[in-house]
Amino acid sequence: MDSWTKNFAKALEHATEIDKDLAERSQLGLRGEDVSQLTASTRRKISHIENSCSQLEEELNIHSGDPITYRVTESEINRREGVLMGLQNRIATFKVKIAQDPGSASRAELMGGGPAKKRVWGETAETEGLANDGVLQLQKKKMEEQDAKLGEISKQVGGITRVGHAIHDELDEHHKLLDNIDTKIHKTSIKVEKESNRMEVLRKEASTGTCW
């Protein structure tokens, strides 16, 4: 399991803790008890998980910029972006709930005035309804599939590299042949020039009658 997956799992655990704290805060508010201490600690947890999400998003941007080095496919990047957005949406809900009066908010939910439950934005059909362990198992499966795909890509790259080396060797042989041909042409040109000069000398001697 890579560091991103581990950090995301921790963030999910913190989100579960915040859900419990908010539920407890609502119950205390209904009973008219003091919730100031619990509210302060829950706010700190929300701030912490918000910072964790920012770090996860930054790390994900780095991975998407160099997927080969970080061994992550485009589909996995897209999936991680989806579950991260789902968590960010939960954080936004936490911030709304912590800003409400716990007593009035709880009474509204009990009377049916609370928001209807729906799939978190960014959550996929695969992750909907899964607990933390289920999400981690799904991530493990996806990473195994990703490793298999990267293995195939590595084999293909290796084959292309071998073909490239073969072409390079063949071009080297062609260059050597061309060099040999160029050398022979140069030598032949020198011989032709010498013969042309000798014939010119003989022609001049013949015209002056000095040829033996």
C-alpha atoms as a PDB file:
ATOM      1  CA  MET A   1       0.000   0.000   0.000  1.00  0.00           C
ATOM      2  CA  ASP A   2       1.503   3.325  -1.047  1.00  0.00           C
ATOM      3  CA  SER A   3       1.698   6.432   1.154  1.00  0.00           C
ATOM      4  CA  TRP A   4      -1.256   8.131  -0.568  1.00  0.00           C
ATOM      5  CA  THR A   5      -3.559   5.199   0.151  1.00  0.00           C
ATOM      6  CA  LYS A   6      -2.398   5.017   3.780  1.00  0.00           C
ATOM      7  CA  ASN A   7      -2.938   8.742   4.327  1.00  0.00           C
ATOM      8  CA  PHE A   8      -6.358   8.593   2.686  1.00  0.00           C
ATOM      9  CA  ALA A   9      -7.340   5.689   4.946  1.00  0.00           C
ATOM     10  CA  LYS A  10      -6.319   7.732   7.988  1.00  0.00           C
ATOM     11  CA  ALA A  11      -8.381  10.665   6.722  1.00  0.00           C
ATOM     12  CA  LEU A  12     -11.410   8.373   6.386  1.00  0.00           C
ATOM     13  CA  GLU A  13     -10.932   7.238   9.983  1.00  0.00           C
ATOM     14  CA  HIS A  14     -10.841  10.865  11.119  1.00  0.00           C
ATOM     15  CA  ALA A  15     -14.027  11.552   9.143  1.00  0.00           C
ATOM     16  CA  THR A  16     -15.740   8.676  10.958  1.00  0.00           C
ATOM     17  CA  GLU A  17     -14.631  10.145  14.299  1.00  0.00           C
ATOM     18  CA  ILE A  18     -16.034  13.541  13.326  1.00  0.00           C
ATOM     19  CA  ASP A  19     -19.371  11.945  12.365  1.00  0.00           C
ATOM     20  CA  LYS A  20     -19.546  10.395  15.843  1.00  0.00           C
ATOM     21  CA  ASP A  21     -18.602  13.679  17.526  1.00  0.00           C
ATOM     22  CA  LEU A  22     -21.270  15.576  15.608  1.00  0.00           C
ATOM     23  CA  ALA A  23     -23.882  12.961  16.509  1.00  0.00           C
ATOM     24  CA  GLU A  24     -22.899  13.168  20.183  1.00  0.00           C
ATOM     25  CA  ARG A  25     -22.979  16.983  20.008  1.00  0.00           C
ATOM     26  CA  SER A  26     -26.517  16.850  18.620  1.00  0.00           C
ATOM     27  CA  GLN A  27     -27.669  14.573  21.443  1.00  0.00           C
ATOM     28  CA  LEU A  28     -26.113  16.847  24.047  1.00  0.00           C
ATOM     29  CA  GLY A  29     -27.773  19.842  22.413  1.00  0.00           C
ATOM     30  CA  LEU A  30     -31.190  18.160  22.582  1.00  0.00           C
ATOM     31  CA  ARG A  31     -30.711  17.617  26.297  1.00  0.00           C
ATOM     32  CA  GLY A  32     -29.643  21.240  26.745  1.00  0.00           C
ATOM     33  CA  GLU A  33     -26.157  20.279  27.938  1.00  0.00           C
ATOM     34  CA  ASP A  34     -22.952  22.259  27.350  1.00  0.00           C
ATOM     35  CA  VAL A  35     -21.331  21.404  24.014  1.00  0.00           C
ATOM     36  CA  SER A  36     -18.622  24.095  23.922  1.00  0.00           C
ATOM     37  CA  GLN A  37     -15.737  21.738  24.699  1.00  0.00           C
ATOM     38  CA  LEU A  38     -16.887  19.082  22.226  1.00  0.00           C
ATOM     39  CA  THR A  39     -17.504  21.771  19.589  1.00  0.00           C
ATOM     40  CA  ALA A  40     -13.962  23.138  20.000  1.00  0.00           C
ATOM     41  CA  SER A  41     -12.349  19.678  19.702  1.00  0.00           C
ATOM     42  CA  THR A  42     -14.509  18.806  16.678  1.00  0.00           C
ATOM     43  CA  ARG A  43     -13.531  22.059  14.970  1.00  0.00           C
ATOM     44  CA  ARG A  44      -9.862  21.146  15.462  1.00  0.00           C
ATOM     45  CA  LYS A  45     -10.470  17.716  13.935  1.00  0.00           C
ATOM     46  CA  ILE A  46     -12.244  19.275  10.950  1.00  0.00           C
ATOM     47  CA  SER A  47      -9.330  21.670  10.439  1.00  0.00           C
ATOM     48  CA  HIS A  48      -6.872  18.764  10.648  1.00  0.00           C
ATOM     49  CA  ILE A  49      -8.717  16.619   8.119  1.00  0.00           C
ATOM     50  CA  GLU A  50      -9.069  19.617   5.802  1.00  0.00           C
ATOM     51  CA  ASN A  51      -5.270  20.049   5.863  1.00  0.00           C
ATOM     52  CA  SER A  52      -4.849  16.318   5.226  1.00  0.00           C
ATOM     53  CA  CYS A  53      -7.089  16.568   2.155  1.00  0.00           C
ATOM     54  CA  SER A  54      -5.030  19.477   0.833  1.00  0.00           C
ATOM     55  CA  GLN A  55      -1.855  17.393   1.186  1.00  0.00           C
ATOM     56  CA  LEU A  56      -3.530  14.420  -0.508  1.00  0.00           C
ATOM     57  CA  GLU A  57      -4.632  16.647  -3.384  1.00  0.00           C
ATOM     58  CA  GLU A  58      -1.128  18.082  -3.769  1.00  0.00           C
ATOM     59  CA  GLU A  59       0.434  14.626  -3.736  1.00  0.00           C
ATOM     60  CA  LEU A  60      -2.106  13.405  -6.282  1.00  0.00           C
ATOM     61  CA  ASN A  61      -1.226  16.280  -8.624  1.00  0.00           C
ATOM     62  CA  ILE A  62       2.444  15.274  -8.400  1.00  0.00           C
ATOM     63  CA  HIS A  63       1.599  11.637  -9.175  1.00  0.00           C
ATOM     64  CA  SER A  64      -0.553  12.585 -12.169  1.00  0.00           C
ATOM     65  CA  GLY A  65       2.367  14.599 -13.563  1.00  0.00           C
ATOM     66  CA  ASP A  66       4.714  11.574 -13.475  1.00  0.00           C
ATOM     67  CA  PRO A  67       2.593   8.386 -13.422  1.00  0.00           C
ATOM     68  CA  ILE A  68       5.417   6.046 -14.519  1.00  0.00           C
ATOM     69  CA  THR A  69       7.691   6.986 -11.611  1.00  0.00           C
ATOM     70  CA  TYR A  70       4.879   6.681  -9.073  1.00  0.00           C
ATOM     71  CA  ARG A  71       3.471   3.500 -10.690  1.00  0.00           C
ATOM     72  CA  VAL A  72      -0.063   4.782 -11.066  1.00  0.00           C
ATOM     73  CA  THR A  73      -2.369   4.585 -14.093  1.00  0.00           C
ATOM     74  CA  GLU A  74      -4.629   7.312 -15.425  1.00  0.00           C
ATOM     75  CA  SER A  75      -7.737   5.373 -14.349  1.00  0.00           C
ATOM     76  CA  GLU A  76      -6.349   5.081 -10.809  1.00  0.00           C
ATOM     77  CA  ILE A  77      -5.608   8.814 -10.763  1.00  0.00           C
ATOM     78  CA  ASN A  78      -9.205   9.508 -11.809  1.00  0.00           C
ATOM     79  CA  ARG A  79     -10.555   7.113  -9.167  1.00  0.00           C
ATOM     80  CA  ARG A  80      -8.476   8.741  -6.438  1.00  0.00           C
ATOM     81  CA  GLU A  81      -9.637  12.169  -7.518  1.00  0.00           C
ATOM     82  CA  GLY A  82     -13.221  10.938  -7.211  1.00  0.00           C
ATOM     83  CA  VAL A  83     -12.933   9.506  -3.688  1.00  0.00           C
ATOM     84  CA  LEU A  84     -10.944  12.544  -2.572  1.00  0.00           C
ATOM     85  CA  MET A  85     -13.667  14.876  -3.816  1.00  0.00           C
ATOM     86  CA  GLY A  86     -16.183  12.748  -1.933  1.00  0.00           C
ATOM     87  CA  LEU A  87     -14.214  13.224   1.279  1.00  0.00           C
ATOM     88  CA  GLN A  88     -13.908  16.959   0.643  1.00  0.00           C
ATOM     89  CA  ASN A  89     -17.689  17.098   0.258  1.00  0.00           C
ATOM     90  CA  ARG A  90     -18.089  15.381   3.637  1.00  0.00           C
ATOM     91  CA  ILE A  91     -15.782  17.981   5.169  1.00  0.00           C
ATOM     92  CA  ALA A  92     -17.956  20.746   3.731  1.00  0.00           C
ATOM     93  CA  THR A  93     -20.964  19.077   5.393  1.00  0.00           C
ATOM     94  CA  PHE A  94     -19.067  18.878   8.697  1.00  0.00           C
ATOM     95  CA  LYS A  95     -18.370  22.613   8.562  1.00  0.00           C
ATOM     96  CA  VAL A  96     -22.033  23.375   7.985  1.00  0.00           C
ATOM     97  CA  LYS A  97     -23.145  21.150  10.866  1.00  0.00           C
ATOM     98  CA  ILE A  98     -20.562  22.486  13.341  1.00  0.00           C
ATOM     99  CA  ALA A  99     -21.716  26.043  12.575  1.00  0.00           C
ATOM    100  CA  GLN A 100     -25.335  25.180  13.427  1.00  0.00           C
ATOM    101  CA  ASP A 101     -26.912  25.246  16.848  1.00  0.00           C
ATOM    102  CA  PRO A 102     -26.800  21.561  17.898  1.00  0.00           C
ATOM    103  CA  GLY A 103     -30.255  21.568  19.489  1.00  0.00           C
ATOM    104  CA  SER A 104     -32.140  23.166  16.611  1.00  0.00           C
ATOM    105  CA  ALA A 105     -30.259  21.114  14.002  1.00  0.00           C
ATOM    106  CA  SER A 106     -31.081  17.848  15.755  1.00  0.00           C
ATOM    107  CA  ARG A 107     -34.747  18.755  16.180  1.00  0.00           C
ATOM    108  CA  ALA A 108     -35.002  19.618  12.486  1.00  0.00           C
ATOM    109  CA  GLU A 109     -33.565  16.233  11.518  1.00  0.00           C
ATOM    110  CA  LEU A 110     -35.880  14.407  13.930  1.00  0.00           C
ATOM    111  CA  MET A 111     -38.883  16.220  12.395  1.00  0.00           C
ATOM    112  CA  GLY A 112     -37.809  15.223   8.905  1.00  0.00           C
ATOM    113  CA  GLY A 113     -36.470  18.636   7.974  1.00  0.00           C
ATOM    114  CA  GLY A 114     -32.888  17.479   7.565  1.00  0.00           C
ATOM    115  CA  PRO A 115     -31.243  17.036   4.187  1.00  0.00           C
ATOM    116  CA  ALA A 116     -32.115  13.894   2.263  1.00  0.00           C
ATOM    117  CA  LYS A 117     -29.350  11.308   2.210  1.00  0.00           C
ATOM    118  CA  LYS A 118     -27.802  10.858  -1.192  1.00  0.00           C
ATOM    119  CA  ARG A 119     -24.601   9.617  -2.694  1.00  0.00           C
ATOM    120  CA  VAL A 120     -21.655  11.849  -1.861  1.00  0.00           C
ATOM    121  CA  TRP A 121     -20.557  13.835  -4.906  1.00  0.00           C
ATOM    122  CA  GLY A 122     -17.442  12.255  -6.403  1.00  0.00           C
ATOM    123  CA  GLU A 123     -18.209   8.796  -4.948  1.00  0.00           C
ATOM    124  CA  THR A 124     -18.386   6.005  -7.512  1.00  0.00           C
ATOM    125  CA  ALA A 125     -20.799   3.093  -7.727  1.00  0.00           C
ATOM    126  CA  GLU A 126     -17.936   0.830  -6.604  1.00  0.00           C
ATOM    127  CA  THR A 127     -17.254   2.729  -3.377  1.00  0.00           C
ATOM    128  CA  GLU A 128     -20.854   3.619  -2.465  1.00  0.00           C
ATOM    129  CA  GLY A 129     -21.835   2.033   0.821  1.00  0.00           C
ATOM    130  CA  LEU A 130     -18.377   0.606   1.516  1.00  0.00           C
ATOM    131  CA  ALA A 131     -16.803   0.928   4.935  1.00  0.00           C
ATOM    132  CA  ASN A 132     -13.146   1.893   5.338  1.00  0.00           C
ATOM    133  CA  ASP A 133     -11.987  -1.740   5.102  1.00  0.00           C
ATOM    134  CA  GLY A 134     -14.008  -2.232   1.950  1.00  0.00           C
ATOM    135  CA  VAL A 135     -12.526   0.879   0.354  1.00  0.00           C
ATOM    136  CA  LEU A 136      -9.012  -0.284   1.248  1.00  0.00           C
ATOM    137  CA  GLN A 137      -9.662  -3.737  -0.235  1.00  0.00           C
ATOM    138  CA  LEU A 138     -10.980  -2.133  -3.408  1.00  0.00           C
ATOM    139  CA  GLN A 139      -7.910   0.104  -3.581  1.00  0.00           C
ATOM    140  CA  LYS A 140      -5.646  -2.938  -3.134  1.00  0.00           C
ATOM    141  CA  LYS A 141      -7.415  -4.719  -5.989  1.00  0.00           C
ATOM    142  CA  LYS A 142      -7.129  -1.660  -8.234  1.00  0.00           C
ATOM    143  CA  MET A 143      -3.413  -1.323  -7.424  1.00  0.00           C
ATOM    144  CA  GLU A 144      -2.829  -4.994  -8.316  1.00  0.00           C
ATOM    145  CA  GLU A 145      -4.582  -4.436 -11.641  1.00  0.00           C
ATOM    146  CA  GLN A 146      -2.486  -1.309 -12.126  1.00  0.00           C
ATOM    147  CA  ASP A 147       0.748  -3.228 -11.424  1.00  0.00           C
ATOM    148  CA  ALA A 148      -0.254  -5.847 -13.984  1.00  0.00           C
ATOM    149  CA  LYS A 149      -0.913  -3.151 -16.603  1.00  0.00           C
ATOM    150  CA  LEU A 150       2.412  -1.467 -15.813  1.00  0.00           C
ATOM    151  CA  GLY A 151       4.114  -4.849 -16.220  1.00  0.00           C
ATOM    152  CA  GLU A 152       2.635  -5.189 -19.711  1.00  0.00           C
ATOM    153  CA  ILE A 153       3.691  -1.652 -20.559  1.00  0.00           C
ATOM    154  CA  SER A 154       7.214  -2.451 -19.311  1.00  0.00           C
ATOM    155  CA  LYS A 155       7.374  -5.502 -21.600  1.00  0.00           C
ATOM    156  CA  GLN A 156       6.222  -3.438 -24.566  1.00  0.00           C
ATOM    157  CA  VAL A 157       8.779  -0.732 -23.787  1.00  0.00           C
ATOM    158  CA  GLY A 158      11.473  -3.430 -23.554  1.00  0.00           C
ATOM    159  CA  GLY A 159      10.499  -4.778 -26.985  1.00  0.00           C
ATOM    160  CA  ILE A 160      10.553  -1.308 -28.513  1.00  0.00           C
ATOM    161  CA  THR A 161      13.978  -0.711 -26.951  1.00  0.00           C
ATOM    162  CA  ARG A 162      15.359  -3.907 -28.486  1.00  0.00           C
ATOM    163  CA  VAL A 163      13.997  -2.957 -31.897  1.00  0.00           C
ATOM    164  CA  GLY A 164      15.570   0.494 -31.497  1.00  0.00           C
ATOM    165  CA  HIS A 165      18.969  -1.051 -30.696  1.00  0.00           C
ATOM    166  CA  ALA A 166      18.699  -3.351 -33.728  1.00  0.00           C
ATOM    167  CA  ILE A 167      17.901  -0.390 -35.999  1.00  0.00           C
ATOM    168  CA  HIS A 168      20.798   1.556 -34.472  1.00  0.00           C
ATOM    169  CA  ASP A 169      23.221  -1.331 -35.164  1.00  0.00           C
ATOM    170  CA  GLU A 170      21.977  -1.639 -38.727  1.00  0.00           C
ATOM    171  CA  LEU A 171      22.424   2.089 -39.316  1.00  0.00           C
ATOM    172  CA  ASP A 172      25.975   1.824 -37.974  1.00  0.00           C
ATOM    173  CA  GLU A 173      26.708  -0.873 -40.561  1.00  0.00           C
ATOM    174  CA  HIS A 174      25.230   1.314 -43.306  1.00  0.00           C
ATOM    175  CA  HIS A 175      27.387   4.233 -42.172  1.00  0.00           C
ATOM    176  CA  LYS A 176      30.494   2.047 -42.316  1.00  0.00           C
ATOM    177  CA  LEU A 177      29.610   0.923 -45.849  1.00  0.00           C
ATOM    178  CA  LEU A 178      29.038   4.521 -46.920  1.00  0.00           C
ATOM    179  CA  ASP A 179      32.377   5.537 -45.384  1.00  0.00           C
ATOM    180  CA  ASN A 180      34.139   2.751 -47.314  1.00  0.00           C
ATOM    181  CA  ILE A 181      32.445   3.786 -50.541  1.00  0.00           C
ATOM    182  CA  ASP A 182      33.379   7.422 -49.908  1.00  0.00           C
ATOM    183  CA  THR A 183      37.023   6.433 -49.307  1.00  0.00           C
ATOM    184  CA  LYS A 184      37.143   4.383 -52.517  1.00  0.00           C
ATOM    185  CA  ILE A 185      35.567   7.206 -54.512  1.00  0.00           C
ATOM    186  CA  HIS A 186      38.123   9.626 -53.106  1.00  0.00           C
ATOM    187  CA  LYS A 187      41.025   7.334 -54.043  1.00  0.00           C
ATOM    188  CA  THR A 188      39.562   6.785 -57.509  1.00  0.00           C
ATOM    189  CA  SER A 189      39.164  10.547 -57.975  1.00  0.00           C
ATOM    190  CA  ILE A 190      42.836  11.048 -57.102  1.00  0.00           C
ATOM    191  CA  LYS A 191      43.888   8.374 -59.622  1.00  0.00           C
ATOM    192  CA  VAL A 192      41.656   9.877 -62.304  1.00  0.00           C
ATOM    193  CA  GLU A 193      43.139  13.328 -61.614  1.00  0.00           C
ATOM    194  CA  LYS A 194      46.692  11.954 -61.866  1.00  0.00           C
ATOM    195  CA  GLU A 195      45.907  10.188 -65.125  1.00  0.00           C
ATOM    196  CA  SER A 196      44.270  13.331 -66.488  1.00  0.00           C
ATOM    197  CA  ASN A 197      47.372  15.372 -65.614  1.00  0.00           C
ATOM    198  CA  ARG A 198      49.642  12.766 -67.228  1.00  0.00           C
ATOM    199  CA  MET A 199      47.530  12.774 -70.389  1.00  0.00           C
ATOM    200  CA  GLU A 200      47.657  16.560 -70.475  1.00  0.00           C
ATOM    201  CA  VAL A 201      51.453  16.442 -70.229  1.00  0.00           C
ATOM    202  CA  LEU A 202      51.629  13.867 -73.024  1.00  0.00           C
ATOM    203  CA  ARG A 203      49.309  15.980 -75.168  1.00  0.00           C
ATOM    204  CA  LYS A 204      51.518  19.034 -74.741  1.00  0.00           C
ATOM    205  CA  GLU A 205      54.655  17.030 -75.498  1.00  0.00           C
ATOM    206  CA  ALA A 206      53.048  15.580 -78.592  1.00  0.00           C
ATOM    207  CA  SER A 207      52.061  19.016 -79.840  1.00  0.00           C
ATOM    208  CA  THR A 208      55.621  20.355 -79.406  1.00  0.00           C
ATOM    209  CA  GLY A 209      57.257  17.286 -80.855  1.00  0.00           C
ATOM    210  CA  THR A 210      59.156  16.480 -77.657  1.00  0.00           C
ATOM    211  CA  CYS A 211      57.467  13.156 -77.042  1.00  0.00           C
ATOM    212  CA  TRP A 212      59.927  10.259 -77.201  1.00  0.00           C
END
